[in-house]
Amino acid sequence: MMALLANLSIPWGTKALLGFADSANLTAPTPPWLEDGQSQAPLCTLCCCGLLNRTLAVVFMVSLAFAIVVGNVVTLTVFMQTRQSRTPQGYLKVSLAIADMLVGVLVVPFSVYTEISLMVTSTPPVWYQSSAAPMDAADHNHGGSTGSGGGNLSVSWQPCMLIGPVFAGCTFVSISTIFLMTVERSVAILWPLHKDAVVTRRRSLMLILLSWAGSFLLAVAPLVLSRSFTLEYNPCSRMCNYAPLWDVSLPQPSDAHVMLLFPAFDFTLLGGTLVVNIVSFTSIRRYSRKRKLLAEGSLGGDSGGGGGGGWCQHRPSFSDIKAAKTIGILTFAFTASFSPIAVFVLGNVVGYAWCNFSFFAFWILAGNSCCNVVIYSVRDQRFRKGVTLLFQRERSIPQGEKN
């Protein structure tokens, strides 16, 4: 699924990107309404410059939203109707599917609506970056951004105040859910006899609720703990981004460091997921080697004694091993889609403003929200069976009504 690390951890916002745009030929001439403190004209980027490119971008966004919604609705239906899926692992997959579906229901359609509005009208919407523009005069005083930032936001309601936290929260939920799925499978691999006692439905549901609550609290942390940031629609990434309210030529305010919470959270959980996967797959490899030696008869003496029988009793099941490999593929897919965002963040840190690259980085990460159903279809036999039964049931309903 589901991601906003670069959105949330970029030390500069749209105003900083505009500062680098002259050398990169990314901006159009300054419109007259910019001087009046109104909406800012959208940047003309490689992917969205010209009617044809804008149309292709909108078609891509619509197709992506459709794929995300349909795929995750099928996933939720299969897991909710299949009794064998009502396990801790099944609950975690449902949580991941809900987070991904919210991206397809709210985040992507909002970008589609904004892009179509910019195509059919000569003037951007009233709310388009209106929250940051009125702060320019006060930013030079360096006191307005920290003392009266909330008053300027009342000029017009900014939809990104809703879409931005939803996107960020769903991203954090996806990362934390993948981490919990990895830990759950590692328990089944390393301690197969104790997995039912350690990993219970009640504990899984509690961890899922804590994951959602903590993720969305973290998503709104810059708005709650700091008055130096706002949310606006970024003309480069075509998504809602956090943007600074202070003049980027002046020193950062003391509360600007709250943005470091996002990369710290993301990289900590992704690093922990990688470590747990390494431990799990090392154990699987050791078990597979022992099983191969037993089949060849090299451990014949050990298998006849108590040690061999004890090892056989403590071995993980084939379904647990296959589920661990499936979750490993989920982790690899998410990390691969997250890598462009990490590169983009590093580029911003050293001073590069990759406007075109930001579009591809963000939308590759958004495209991950429709990948999980494909992985389940290829790797999970129960999921394939559930999808088959679901469509067979839909076909048999009209025949039953006719009879």
Protein backbone atom coordinates (compact mmCIF):
# COMPACT_ATOMS: atom_id res chain seq x y z
CA MET A 1 0.00 0.00 0.00
CA MET A 2 -0.32 2.92 0.82
CA ALA A 3 3.04 6.95 2.10
CA LEU A 4 4.29 10.30 2.94
CA LEU A 5 7.82 10.15 4.28
CA ALA A 6 9.20 12.54 1.69
CA ASN A 7 6.10 14.67 1.99
CA LEU A 8 6.62 14.96 5.69
CA SER A 9 10.38 14.99 6.06
CA ILE A 10 11.37 17.45 3.34
CA PRO A 11 13.03 20.41 5.06
CA TRP A 12 11.61 22.76 2.43
CA GLY A 13 8.14 23.10 0.98
CA THR A 14 6.78 24.46 -2.25
CA LYS A 15 8.39 27.85 -1.67
CA ALA A 16 11.81 26.24 -1.55
CA LEU A 17 11.14 24.29 -4.71
CA LEU A 18 10.15 27.50 -6.46
CA GLY A 19 13.51 28.95 -5.48
CA PHE A 20 15.32 26.23 -7.43
CA ALA A 21 12.91 26.24 -10.34
CA ASP A 22 14.47 29.04 -12.40
CA SER A 23 17.58 27.05 -13.25
CA ALA A 24 15.57 23.91 -13.96
CA ASN A 25 12.91 25.64 -16.10
CA LEU A 26 10.14 24.22 -13.97
CA THR A 27 7.91 27.25 -13.49
CA ALA A 28 5.73 29.40 -15.64
CA PRO A 29 5.82 33.23 -15.42
CA THR A 30 4.54 34.63 -12.16
CA PRO A 31 0.78 35.21 -12.44
CA PRO A 32 -0.81 38.49 -11.34
CA TRP A 33 -2.82 36.93 -8.52
CA LEU A 34 0.35 35.78 -6.74
CA GLU A 35 1.11 39.40 -5.83
CA ASP A 36 -2.28 39.73 -4.13
CA GLY A 37 -1.55 36.83 -1.79
CA GLN A 38 -3.95 34.50 -3.57
CA SER A 39 -3.52 31.10 -5.14
CA GLN A 40 -0.18 30.22 -6.65
CA ALA A 41 0.06 28.99 -10.23
CA PRO A 42 0.91 25.31 -10.66
CA LEU A 43 4.39 24.32 -11.75
CA CYS A 44 4.83 23.04 -15.29
CA THR A 45 6.68 19.77 -14.87
CA LEU A 46 7.73 17.14 -17.38
CA CYS A 47 4.93 14.72 -16.45
CA CYS A 48 2.15 17.31 -16.25
CA CYS A 49 3.13 20.06 -18.70
CA GLY A 50 0.76 20.40 -21.62
CA LEU A 51 -2.74 19.11 -22.15
CA LEU A 52 -1.67 15.66 -23.37
CA ASN A 53 0.68 14.99 -20.45
CA ARG A 54 -1.87 16.26 -17.94
CA THR A 55 -4.53 14.04 -19.49
CA LEU A 56 -2.24 11.00 -19.32
CA ALA A 57 -1.42 11.80 -15.68
CA VAL A 58 -5.13 12.02 -14.81
CA VAL A 59 -5.85 8.75 -16.64
CA PHE A 60 -3.04 7.10 -14.68
CA MET A 61 -4.42 8.44 -11.39
CA VAL A 62 -7.96 7.27 -12.19
CA SER A 63 -6.70 3.81 -13.20
CA LEU A 64 -4.62 3.57 -10.04
CA ALA A 65 -7.55 4.57 -7.82
CA PHE A 66 -9.77 1.97 -9.52
CA ALA A 67 -7.15 -0.77 -9.12
CA ILE A 68 -6.56 0.10 -5.45
CA VAL A 69 -10.25 0.15 -4.54
CA VAL A 70 -11.25 -2.99 -6.47
CA GLY A 71 -8.24 -5.01 -5.35
CA ASN A 72 -8.60 -4.17 -1.69
CA VAL A 73 -12.39 -4.63 -1.71
CA VAL A 74 -11.83 -8.15 -3.05
CA THR A 75 -9.16 -8.72 -0.37
CA LEU A 76 -11.43 -7.53 2.43
CA THR A 77 -14.36 -9.60 1.15
CA VAL A 78 -12.31 -12.78 0.95
CA PHE A 79 -10.76 -12.35 4.40
CA MET A 80 -14.07 -11.43 6.03
CA GLN A 81 -16.05 -14.31 4.49
CA THR A 82 -13.40 -17.02 4.85
CA ARG A 83 -13.44 -18.56 8.31
CA GLN A 84 -9.89 -19.86 7.96
CA SER A 85 -8.70 -16.25 7.60
CA ARG A 86 -10.00 -15.19 11.01
CA THR A 87 -6.57 -15.50 12.55
CA PRO A 88 -4.10 -12.92 13.88
CA GLN A 89 -2.38 -12.90 10.50
CA GLY A 90 -5.74 -12.46 8.76
CA TYR A 91 -6.64 -9.49 10.98
CA LEU A 92 -3.32 -7.85 10.15
CA LYS A 93 -3.95 -8.33 6.43
CA VAL A 94 -7.40 -6.76 6.82
CA SER A 95 -5.83 -3.77 8.57
CA LEU A 96 -3.31 -3.38 5.75
CA ALA A 97 -6.07 -3.61 3.13
CA ILE A 98 -8.15 -0.92 4.86
CA ALA A 99 -5.18 1.44 4.96
CA ASP A 100 -4.47 0.84 1.27
CA MET A 101 -8.13 1.29 0.33
CA LEU A 102 -8.31 4.67 2.07
CA VAL A 103 -5.52 5.85 -0.22
CA GLY A 104 -7.60 4.84 -3.24
CA VAL A 105 -10.84 6.29 -1.87
CA LEU A 106 -9.62 9.67 -0.55
CA VAL A 107 -6.04 10.55 -1.46
CA VAL A 108 -5.84 9.64 -5.14
CA PRO A 109 -9.35 10.94 -6.06
CA PHE A 110 -8.50 14.29 -4.47
CA SER A 111 -5.43 14.59 -6.69
CA VAL A 112 -7.61 13.68 -9.69
CA TYR A 113 -10.15 16.36 -8.75
CA THR A 114 -7.43 18.99 -8.32
CA GLU A 115 -5.72 18.18 -11.61
CA ILE A 116 -9.01 18.28 -13.52
CA SER A 117 -9.85 21.60 -11.87
CA LEU A 118 -6.50 23.01 -13.00
CA MET A 119 -7.12 21.73 -16.54
CA VAL A 120 -10.62 23.13 -17.05
CA THR A 121 -10.16 26.49 -15.28
CA SER A 122 -7.64 29.23 -15.95
CA THR A 123 -7.43 30.17 -12.25
CA PRO A 124 -6.44 27.65 -9.56
CA PRO A 125 -9.01 26.87 -6.83
CA VAL A 126 -9.38 29.33 -3.96
CA TRP A 127 -7.82 26.93 -1.49
CA TYR A 128 -4.87 26.09 -3.81
CA GLN A 129 -1.84 26.86 -1.58
CA SER A 130 -3.82 29.72 -0.03
CA SER A 131 -2.68 28.73 3.44
CA ALA A 132 1.00 29.47 2.70
CA ALA A 133 0.73 32.55 0.49
CA PRO A 134 -0.70 34.99 3.08
CA MET A 135 2.21 34.13 5.39
CA ASP A 136 4.87 35.58 3.11
CA ALA A 137 4.71 39.12 4.52
CA ALA A 138 4.71 37.91 8.10
CA ASP A 139 7.46 35.38 7.49
CA HIS A 140 10.02 38.15 6.95
CA ASN A 141 9.28 39.36 10.48
CA HIS A 142 10.03 35.83 11.68
CA GLY A 143 7.46 36.18 14.41
CA GLY A 144 4.28 35.65 12.44
CA SER A 145 4.97 32.03 11.60
CA THR A 146 5.17 30.99 15.20
CA GLY A 147 2.69 33.32 16.76
CA SER A 148 -0.19 33.85 14.34
CA GLY A 149 0.06 31.00 11.88
CA GLY A 150 -3.34 29.64 12.78
CA GLY A 151 -5.14 32.89 12.03
CA ASN A 152 -4.11 32.96 8.37
CA LEU A 153 -5.42 29.47 7.81
CA SER A 154 -8.97 30.73 8.31
CA VAL A 155 -8.91 32.56 4.96
CA SER A 156 -10.26 29.43 3.29
CA TRP A 157 -10.54 25.85 4.42
CA GLN A 158 -7.67 23.78 3.09
CA PRO A 159 -8.79 20.26 2.04
CA CYS A 160 -5.20 19.11 2.46
CA MET A 161 -5.70 19.51 6.21
CA LEU A 162 -7.76 16.30 5.91
CA ILE A 163 -6.15 14.52 2.96
CA GLY A 164 -2.57 15.04 4.17
CA PRO A 165 -2.99 13.41 7.60
CA VAL A 166 -5.02 10.58 6.05
CA PHE A 167 -2.24 9.87 3.56
CA ALA A 168 0.45 10.08 6.23
CA GLY A 169 -1.54 8.00 8.73
CA CYS A 170 -2.25 5.26 6.20
CA THR A 171 1.42 5.15 5.30
CA PHE A 172 2.45 4.73 8.93
CA VAL A 173 -0.26 2.09 9.42
CA SER A 174 1.11 0.15 6.44
CA ILE A 175 4.66 0.26 7.78
CA SER A 176 3.64 -0.73 11.32
CA THR A 177 1.31 -3.49 10.05
CA ILE A 178 4.04 -5.04 7.90
CA PHE A 179 6.30 -4.94 10.95
CA LEU A 180 3.66 -6.70 13.10
CA MET A 181 3.06 -9.32 10.38
CA THR A 182 6.80 -10.00 10.25
CA VAL A 183 6.99 -10.38 14.04
CA GLU A 184 3.94 -12.68 14.06
CA ARG A 185 5.48 -14.97 11.45
CA SER A 186 8.84 -14.97 13.19
CA VAL A 187 7.18 -16.26 16.37
CA ALA A 188 5.57 -19.06 14.34
CA ILE A 189 8.95 -19.94 12.81
CA LEU A 190 11.18 -19.67 15.87
CA TRP A 191 8.75 -20.91 18.54
CA PRO A 192 6.10 -22.98 16.74
CA LEU A 193 4.88 -24.66 19.93
CA HIS A 194 4.23 -21.34 21.67
CA LYS A 195 2.78 -19.28 18.82
CA ASP A 196 -0.85 -19.90 19.82
CA ALA A 197 -0.14 -18.77 23.38
CA VAL A 198 1.97 -15.75 22.41
CA VAL A 199 0.07 -14.53 19.34
CA THR A 200 -3.63 -14.39 20.18
CA ARG A 201 -6.54 -12.68 18.47
CA ARG A 202 -7.08 -10.31 21.37
CA ARG A 203 -3.45 -9.19 21.42
CA SER A 204 -3.44 -8.80 17.65
CA LEU A 205 -6.56 -6.62 17.71
CA MET A 206 -5.10 -4.48 20.50
CA LEU A 207 -1.86 -3.99 18.56
CA ILE A 208 -3.83 -3.09 15.42
CA LEU A 209 -5.84 -0.45 17.31
CA LEU A 210 -2.66 0.96 18.85
CA SER A 211 -1.05 1.01 15.41
CA TRP A 212 -3.90 3.04 13.92
CA ALA A 213 -4.12 5.44 16.86
CA GLY A 214 -0.36 5.99 17.05
CA SER A 215 0.01 6.38 13.28
CA PHE A 216 -2.63 9.08 12.96
CA LEU A 217 -1.40 10.90 16.05
CA LEU A 218 2.05 10.94 14.50
CA ALA A 219 0.57 12.17 11.20
CA VAL A 220 -0.87 15.31 12.81
CA ALA A 221 2.10 15.90 15.13
CA PRO A 222 3.54 18.81 13.07
CA LEU A 223 0.20 20.62 13.26
CA VAL A 224 -0.28 19.96 16.98
CA LEU A 225 3.28 20.36 18.28
CA SER A 226 4.39 23.15 15.95
CA ARG A 227 3.01 26.30 14.34
CA SER A 228 5.71 26.39 11.69
CA PHE A 229 4.11 24.02 9.18
CA THR A 230 0.97 23.80 7.11
CA LEU A 231 -0.45 21.43 4.54
CA GLU A 232 -0.80 22.43 0.89
CA TYR A 233 -1.17 20.81 -2.50
CA ASN A 234 2.31 20.45 -3.94
CA PRO A 235 2.50 21.18 -7.69
CA CYS A 236 5.48 18.84 -8.10
CA SER A 237 4.31 15.66 -6.41
CA ARG A 238 0.61 16.39 -7.15
CA MET A 239 -0.22 15.46 -3.58
CA CYS A 240 -0.80 17.17 -0.24
CA ASN A 241 2.53 18.01 1.42
CA TYR A 242 3.67 19.59 4.63
CA ALA A 243 5.21 22.97 3.85
CA PRO A 244 7.06 25.44 6.11
CA LEU A 245 5.49 28.78 7.06
CA TRP A 246 8.78 30.57 7.69
CA ASP A 247 11.06 32.25 5.21
CA VAL A 248 13.50 29.59 4.04
CA SER A 249 16.29 32.19 3.87
CA LEU A 250 16.02 32.66 7.64
CA PRO A 251 17.10 30.17 10.33
CA GLN A 252 14.65 27.42 11.13
CA PRO A 253 12.48 27.91 14.23
CA SER A 254 13.09 25.68 17.21
CA ASP A 255 9.93 23.63 16.68
CA ALA A 256 10.84 22.73 13.08
CA HIS A 257 12.69 19.63 14.29
CA VAL A 258 9.36 17.91 14.92
CA MET A 259 9.53 16.74 11.30
CA LEU A 260 12.36 14.40 12.25
CA LEU A 261 9.75 12.17 13.90
CA PHE A 262 8.66 10.88 10.51
CA PRO A 263 11.97 9.55 9.13
CA ALA A 264 12.87 8.25 12.60
CA PHE A 265 9.63 6.25 12.77
CA ASP A 266 9.81 4.95 9.20
CA PHE A 267 13.45 3.90 9.17
CA THR A 268 13.24 2.36 12.65
CA LEU A 269 10.33 0.09 11.74
CA LEU A 270 11.71 -0.77 8.30
CA GLY A 271 15.09 -1.58 9.83
CA GLY A 272 13.44 -3.72 12.52
CA THR A 273 11.40 -5.52 9.85
CA LEU A 274 14.57 -6.26 7.90
CA VAL A 275 16.33 -7.65 10.98
CA VAL A 276 13.37 -9.87 11.95
CA ASN A 277 13.11 -11.19 8.38
CA ILE A 278 16.82 -12.04 8.37
CA VAL A 279 16.44 -13.99 11.62
CA SER A 280 13.34 -15.82 10.36
CA PHE A 281 14.82 -16.79 7.00
CA THR A 282 18.04 -17.90 8.67
CA SER A 283 16.00 -20.28 10.81
CA ILE A 284 14.06 -21.49 7.76
CA ARG A 285 17.29 -22.16 5.90
CA ARG A 286 18.70 -24.08 8.87
CA TYR A 287 15.53 -26.17 9.10
CA SER A 288 15.55 -26.88 5.34
CA ARG A 289 19.17 -28.02 5.54
CA LYS A 290 18.40 -30.40 8.40
CA ARG A 291 15.38 -31.78 6.59
CA LYS A 292 17.52 -32.40 3.49
CA LEU A 293 20.14 -34.23 5.55
CA LEU A 294 17.44 -36.35 7.16
CA ALA A 295 16.07 -37.27 3.75
CA GLU A 296 19.56 -38.31 2.60
CA GLY A 297 20.11 -40.37 5.75
CA SER A 298 23.06 -38.32 7.02
CA LEU A 299 21.30 -37.71 10.33
CA GLY A 300 19.89 -41.19 10.63
CA GLY A 301 21.37 -41.78 14.06
CA ASP A 302 20.05 -38.50 15.41
CA SER A 303 16.60 -39.06 13.96
CA GLY A 304 16.22 -42.35 15.77
CA GLY A 305 17.00 -40.90 19.18
CA GLY A 306 15.27 -38.40 21.36
CA GLY A 307 17.11 -35.47 19.81
CA GLY A 308 15.75 -36.13 16.35
CA GLY A 309 12.19 -36.60 17.61
CA GLY A 310 12.43 -33.38 19.63
CA TRP A 311 13.64 -31.51 16.59
CA CYS A 312 10.74 -32.89 14.52
CA GLN A 313 8.26 -31.76 17.15
CA HIS A 314 9.65 -28.22 17.17
CA ARG A 315 9.84 -27.78 13.43
CA PRO A 316 7.66 -25.05 11.85
CA SER A 317 4.83 -26.11 9.56
CA PHE A 318 5.03 -25.72 5.81
CA SER A 319 2.16 -23.21 5.89
CA ASP A 320 4.07 -21.06 8.39
CA ILE A 321 7.18 -21.17 6.20
CA LYS A 322 5.21 -20.23 3.09
CA ALA A 323 3.42 -17.43 4.95
CA ALA A 324 6.78 -16.09 6.15
CA LYS A 325 8.06 -16.05 2.57
CA THR A 326 4.89 -14.25 1.43
CA ILE A 327 5.35 -11.57 4.09
CA GLY A 328 8.99 -11.30 3.05
CA ILE A 329 7.83 -10.54 -0.50
CA LEU A 330 5.39 -7.93 0.88
CA THR A 331 8.26 -6.32 2.76
CA PHE A 332 10.49 -6.33 -0.32
CA ALA A 333 7.74 -4.77 -2.48
CA PHE A 334 7.09 -2.01 0.05
CA THR A 335 10.80 -1.31 0.50
CA ALA A 336 11.31 -1.16 -3.27
CA SER A 337 8.48 1.37 -3.64
CA PHE A 338 9.80 3.31 -0.65
CA SER A 339 13.37 3.56 -1.98
CA PRO A 340 12.68 6.45 -4.44
CA ILE A 341 11.25 8.47 -1.56
CA ALA A 342 14.41 7.86 0.46
CA VAL A 343 16.55 8.99 -2.48
CA PHE A 344 14.38 12.08 -2.87
CA VAL A 345 14.80 12.97 0.82
CA LEU A 346 18.58 12.62 0.59
CA GLY A 347 18.59 14.81 -2.51
CA ASN A 348 16.64 17.51 -0.70
CA VAL A 349 19.01 17.37 2.23
CA VAL A 350 22.00 18.13 0.02
CA GLY A 351 20.11 20.91 -1.77
CA TYR A 352 18.57 19.37 -4.89
CA ALA A 353 14.95 20.10 -5.84
CA TRP A 354 13.89 17.20 -8.04
CA CYS A 355 10.44 18.32 -9.03
CA ASN A 356 9.90 15.75 -11.79
CA PHE A 357 11.44 12.96 -9.73
CA SER A 358 9.15 13.77 -6.80
CA PHE A 359 6.09 12.98 -8.92
CA PHE A 360 7.36 9.53 -9.85
CA ALA A 361 8.64 8.82 -6.32
CA PHE A 362 5.33 9.64 -4.63
CA TRP A 363 3.15 7.84 -7.14
CA ILE A 364 5.31 4.73 -7.18
CA LEU A 365 4.78 4.59 -3.43
CA ALA A 366 1.04 5.17 -3.86
CA GLY A 367 0.96 2.37 -6.43
CA ASN A 368 2.14 -0.07 -3.77
CA SER A 369 -1.41 0.05 -2.35
CA CYS A 370 -2.63 -2.20 -5.17
CA CYS A 371 0.30 -4.66 -5.09
CA ASN A 372 -0.70 -6.68 -2.03
CA VAL A 373 -3.71 -8.33 -3.70
CA VAL A 374 -1.43 -9.46 -6.55
CA ILE A 375 1.05 -10.97 -4.08
CA TYR A 376 -1.75 -12.75 -2.21
CA SER A 377 -3.14 -14.14 -5.48
CA VAL A 378 0.22 -15.58 -6.46
CA ARG A 379 1.46 -16.82 -3.08
CA ASP A 380 -1.62 -17.59 -0.93
CA GLN A 381 -3.56 -20.69 -1.95
CA ARG A 382 -6.34 -19.98 0.56
CA PHE A 383 -6.78 -16.50 -0.88
CA ARG A 384 -7.02 -17.86 -4.43
CA LYS A 385 -9.59 -20.39 -3.28
CA GLY A 386 -11.56 -17.68 -1.51
CA VAL A 387 -11.59 -15.49 -4.64
CA THR A 388 -12.74 -18.45 -6.73
CA LEU A 389 -15.56 -19.25 -4.31
CA LEU A 390 -16.53 -15.56 -4.19
CA PHE A 391 -17.01 -15.29 -7.95
CA GLN A 392 -18.64 -18.72 -8.19
CA ARG A 393 -21.13 -17.65 -5.53
CA GLU A 394 -21.95 -14.48 -7.45
CA ARG A 395 -22.58 -16.50 -10.61
CA SER A 396 -24.80 -19.04 -8.83
CA ILE A 397 -27.09 -16.40 -7.28
CA PRO A 398 -28.96 -15.53 -10.51
CA GLN A 399 -29.45 -19.24 -11.30
CA GLY A 400 -30.91 -19.82 -7.84
CA GLU A 401 -33.27 -16.89 -8.26
CA LYS A 402 -34.46 -18.28 -11.59
CA ASN A 403 -35.11 -21.73 -10.09
